[in-house]
């Protein structure tokens, strides 16, 4: 298949929701093409994941990327060296995944390469799962659990705000959170109330 055919195939895999599955690929993903050049770049976003996953497609390879928003260029030397050591340890732990630095700010990027010659849905599913697990591993290794939890909460609040703007009733938003994230009705109501209250006060932009 050429790059355009792989683009269609991967977008199809991402958008095919399978209920009662605990595999990340079976979640509800939105897939948008953000670049068509020598490399086709797909941006994939899931209601359950606070960070986007990017899929680059070249002639023979596809690559999954996650940008956790961790820049290291301006850190003190001692802290930067510790992080780089942690990245080397993590890279040695995973066979498919690499932790690399990109851009002028030396931003940490989680990267997984795939050979299109042997790529099928199961292999793509495995790669996506491993890449997300590698993100969790990075968060734990660098002690960023609080920042990651905050990113997840902001992500959920953005979903609530969008649904409210679309005219979805409050009770339906609560039911959506309960079903999608497996939280209790009380917790779902609290999150919705807090989000809409802050929106009314102008705290969410």
Protein backbone atom coordinates (compact mmCIF):
# COMPACT_ATOMS: atom_id res chain seq x y z
CA UNK A 1 0.00 0.00 0.00
CA UNK A 2 1.11 3.60 -0.55
CA UNK A 3 1.12 6.28 2.16
CA UNK A 4 -2.40 7.46 1.37
CA UNK A 5 -3.76 3.92 1.67
CA UNK A 6 -1.99 3.51 5.01
CA UNK A 7 -3.46 6.82 6.13
CA UNK A 8 -6.98 5.55 5.42
CA UNK A 9 -6.28 2.23 7.10
CA UNK A 10 -4.86 3.73 10.30
CA UNK A 11 -7.65 6.32 10.55
CA UNK A 12 -10.15 3.47 10.15
CA UNK A 13 -8.49 1.53 12.99
CA UNK A 14 -8.55 4.60 15.24
CA UNK A 15 -12.19 5.47 14.60
CA UNK A 16 -13.53 1.92 15.01
CA UNK A 17 -14.89 1.93 18.59
CA UNK A 18 -15.33 -1.46 20.26
CA UNK A 19 -17.43 -1.50 23.42
CA UNK A 20 -16.46 -3.55 26.47
CA UNK A 21 -12.79 -3.56 25.42
CA UNK A 22 -9.93 -2.40 27.63
CA UNK A 23 -7.54 -1.87 24.72
CA UNK A 24 -6.58 1.77 23.98
CA UNK A 25 -7.16 1.39 20.22
CA UNK A 26 -10.80 0.46 20.87
CA UNK A 27 -11.50 3.76 22.64
CA UNK A 28 -13.23 6.66 20.92
CA UNK A 29 -10.48 8.39 18.94
CA UNK A 30 -10.74 11.47 16.74
CA UNK A 31 -8.24 11.39 13.89
CA UNK A 32 -7.26 14.48 11.90
CA UNK A 33 -4.68 14.86 9.15
CA UNK A 34 -2.41 17.75 10.10
CA UNK A 35 0.24 17.36 7.38
CA UNK A 36 0.49 15.86 3.91
CA UNK A 37 4.00 16.17 2.58
CA UNK A 38 6.89 13.70 2.44
CA UNK A 39 5.39 12.48 5.71
CA UNK A 40 1.67 12.16 6.36
CA UNK A 41 0.94 13.19 9.95
CA UNK A 42 -2.20 12.12 11.79
CA UNK A 43 -3.25 13.67 15.11
CA UNK A 44 -5.24 11.20 17.23
CA UNK A 45 -7.09 12.34 20.35
CA UNK A 46 -9.08 10.21 22.77
CA UNK A 47 -11.55 11.24 25.45
CA UNK A 48 -9.59 9.04 27.90
CA UNK A 49 -6.09 10.31 27.10
CA UNK A 50 -4.88 13.78 28.18
CA UNK A 51 -2.21 13.91 25.46
CA UNK A 52 -2.57 13.56 21.71
CA UNK A 53 -0.87 10.74 19.84
CA UNK A 54 0.68 11.65 16.49
CA UNK A 55 1.25 9.06 13.77
CA UNK A 56 3.73 9.87 11.04
CA UNK A 57 3.57 7.79 7.85
CA UNK A 58 6.52 7.61 5.46
CA UNK A 59 7.21 5.26 2.54
CA UNK A 60 8.24 2.22 4.58
CA UNK A 61 7.69 3.17 8.21
CA UNK A 62 5.12 4.62 10.58
CA UNK A 63 6.02 6.31 13.85
CA UNK A 64 3.91 7.06 16.92
CA UNK A 65 4.78 10.19 18.92
CA UNK A 66 3.61 11.58 22.25
CA UNK A 67 4.72 15.04 23.40
CA UNK A 68 4.19 15.22 27.20
CA UNK A 69 5.18 18.89 27.29
CA UNK A 70 8.44 18.42 29.23
CA UNK A 71 11.16 20.82 28.07
CA UNK A 72 14.69 20.36 29.39
CA UNK A 73 16.87 22.97 27.69
CA UNK A 74 16.49 25.61 30.41
CA UNK A 75 16.88 23.25 33.39
CA UNK A 76 19.92 23.39 35.65
CA UNK A 77 22.72 21.07 34.55
CA UNK A 78 22.35 18.68 37.49
CA UNK A 79 18.60 18.28 37.01
CA UNK A 80 18.98 17.91 33.26
CA UNK A 81 21.62 15.19 33.63
CA UNK A 82 19.41 13.28 36.07
CA UNK A 83 16.49 13.40 33.61
CA UNK A 84 18.71 12.24 30.73
CA UNK A 85 19.94 9.34 32.87
CA UNK A 86 16.33 8.43 33.66
CA UNK A 87 15.49 8.52 29.95
CA UNK A 88 18.36 6.15 29.15
CA UNK A 89 17.16 3.73 31.83
CA UNK A 90 13.59 3.90 30.49
CA UNK A 91 14.72 3.43 26.88
CA UNK A 92 16.56 0.28 27.90
CA UNK A 93 13.40 -1.04 29.57
CA UNK A 94 11.26 -0.88 26.42
CA UNK A 95 12.08 -2.72 23.19
CA UNK A 96 9.84 -0.76 20.83
CA UNK A 97 9.84 2.67 22.48
CA UNK A 98 12.47 5.41 22.47
CA UNK A 99 12.64 8.53 24.62
CA UNK A 100 14.20 11.29 22.52
CA UNK A 101 14.73 15.06 22.62
CA UNK A 102 13.33 17.34 19.94
CA UNK A 103 13.34 21.03 19.03
CA UNK A 104 15.27 23.99 20.37
CA UNK A 105 13.88 23.42 23.87
CA UNK A 106 15.00 19.77 24.01
CA UNK A 107 11.45 18.59 24.58
CA UNK A 108 11.06 14.96 25.62
CA UNK A 109 9.24 12.91 22.99
CA UNK A 110 8.06 9.31 23.29
CA UNK A 111 8.57 7.59 19.94
CA UNK A 112 7.65 4.15 18.60
CA UNK A 113 8.70 3.03 15.10
CA UNK A 114 6.74 0.49 13.04
CA UNK A 115 7.64 -1.34 9.83
CA UNK A 116 4.78 -0.98 7.34
CA UNK A 117 5.84 -4.22 5.62
CA UNK A 118 4.55 -6.24 8.58
CA UNK A 119 2.04 -3.84 10.13
CA UNK A 120 -1.47 -5.04 10.91
CA UNK A 121 -4.17 -3.86 13.29
CA UNK A 122 -2.92 -6.08 16.13
CA UNK A 123 0.64 -4.77 15.81
CA UNK A 124 -0.63 -1.18 15.69
CA UNK A 125 -2.77 -1.84 18.75
CA UNK A 126 0.25 -3.24 20.60
CA UNK A 127 2.37 -0.24 19.60
CA UNK A 128 -0.25 2.25 20.76
CA UNK A 129 -0.67 0.40 24.06
CA UNK A 130 3.08 0.24 24.68
CA UNK A 131 3.53 3.92 23.81
CA UNK A 132 0.86 4.94 26.34
CA UNK A 133 2.39 2.64 28.97
CA UNK A 134 5.75 4.24 28.28
CA UNK A 135 4.14 7.63 28.95
CA UNK A 136 2.90 6.38 32.32
CA UNK A 137 6.37 5.00 33.05
CA UNK A 138 7.91 8.39 32.25
CA UNK A 139 5.45 10.17 34.53
CA UNK A 140 6.31 7.85 37.44
CA UNK A 141 10.06 7.94 36.83
CA UNK A 142 10.18 11.74 36.80
CA UNK A 143 7.72 12.11 39.70
CA UNK A 144 5.14 13.96 37.60
CA UNK A 145 2.01 12.17 38.86
CA UNK A 146 0.40 15.39 40.11
CA UNK A 147 1.01 17.19 36.81
CA UNK A 148 -0.37 14.23 34.86
CA UNK A 149 -3.48 14.08 37.06
CA UNK A 150 -3.99 17.80 36.52
CA UNK A 151 -3.66 17.33 32.74
CA UNK A 152 -6.28 14.56 32.87
CA UNK A 153 -8.64 16.75 34.88
CA UNK A 154 -8.22 19.69 32.50
CA UNK A 155 -8.90 17.32 29.59
CA UNK A 156 -12.14 16.12 31.20
CA UNK A 157 -13.20 19.69 31.97
CA UNK A 158 -12.64 20.66 28.34
CA UNK A 159 -14.87 17.77 27.26
CA UNK A 160 -17.59 18.92 29.67
CA UNK A 161 -17.36 22.50 28.43
CA UNK A 162 -17.59 21.38 24.80
CA UNK A 163 -20.65 19.22 25.48
CA UNK A 164 -22.33 22.06 27.36
CA UNK A 165 -21.66 24.40 24.42
CA UNK A 166 -23.24 21.80 22.13
CA UNK A 167 -26.42 21.94 24.22
CA UNK A 168 -26.05 18.57 25.96
CA UNK A 169 -28.11 18.47 29.17
CA UNK A 170 -26.26 18.39 32.47
CA UNK A 171 -27.71 15.02 33.47
CA UNK A 172 -26.57 13.56 30.14
CA UNK A 173 -23.05 14.89 30.70
CA UNK A 174 -23.03 13.24 34.12
CA UNK A 175 -24.14 9.93 32.59
CA UNK A 176 -21.45 10.28 29.90
CA UNK A 177 -18.72 10.70 32.53
CA UNK A 178 -20.00 7.73 34.51
CA UNK A 179 -20.04 5.49 31.42
CA UNK A 180 -16.79 6.71 29.85
CA UNK A 181 -14.55 7.05 32.89
CA UNK A 182 -16.19 4.57 35.26
CA UNK A 183 -16.73 7.10 38.05
CA UNK A 184 -19.65 7.19 40.49
CA UNK A 185 -22.64 9.47 39.97
CA UNK A 186 -21.61 11.66 42.92
CA UNK A 187 -18.11 12.20 41.55
CA UNK A 188 -19.42 12.85 38.03
CA UNK A 189 -21.89 15.43 39.35
CA UNK A 190 -19.17 17.12 41.39
CA UNK A 191 -16.85 17.40 38.38
CA UNK A 192 -19.63 18.76 36.14
CA UNK A 193 -20.82 21.25 38.77
CA UNK A 194 -17.29 22.49 39.43
CA UNK A 195 -16.50 22.84 35.72
CA UNK A 196 -19.68 24.72 34.83
CA UNK A 197 -19.39 26.91 37.95
CA UNK A 198 -15.86 27.94 37.02
CA UNK A 199 -16.93 28.55 33.44
CA UNK A 200 -19.70 30.87 34.65
CA UNK A 201 -17.14 32.74 36.77
CA UNK A 202 -14.81 33.10 33.80
CA UNK A 203 -12.02 30.85 35.07
CA UNK A 204 -12.09 28.59 32.00
CA UNK A 205 -11.07 30.12 28.71
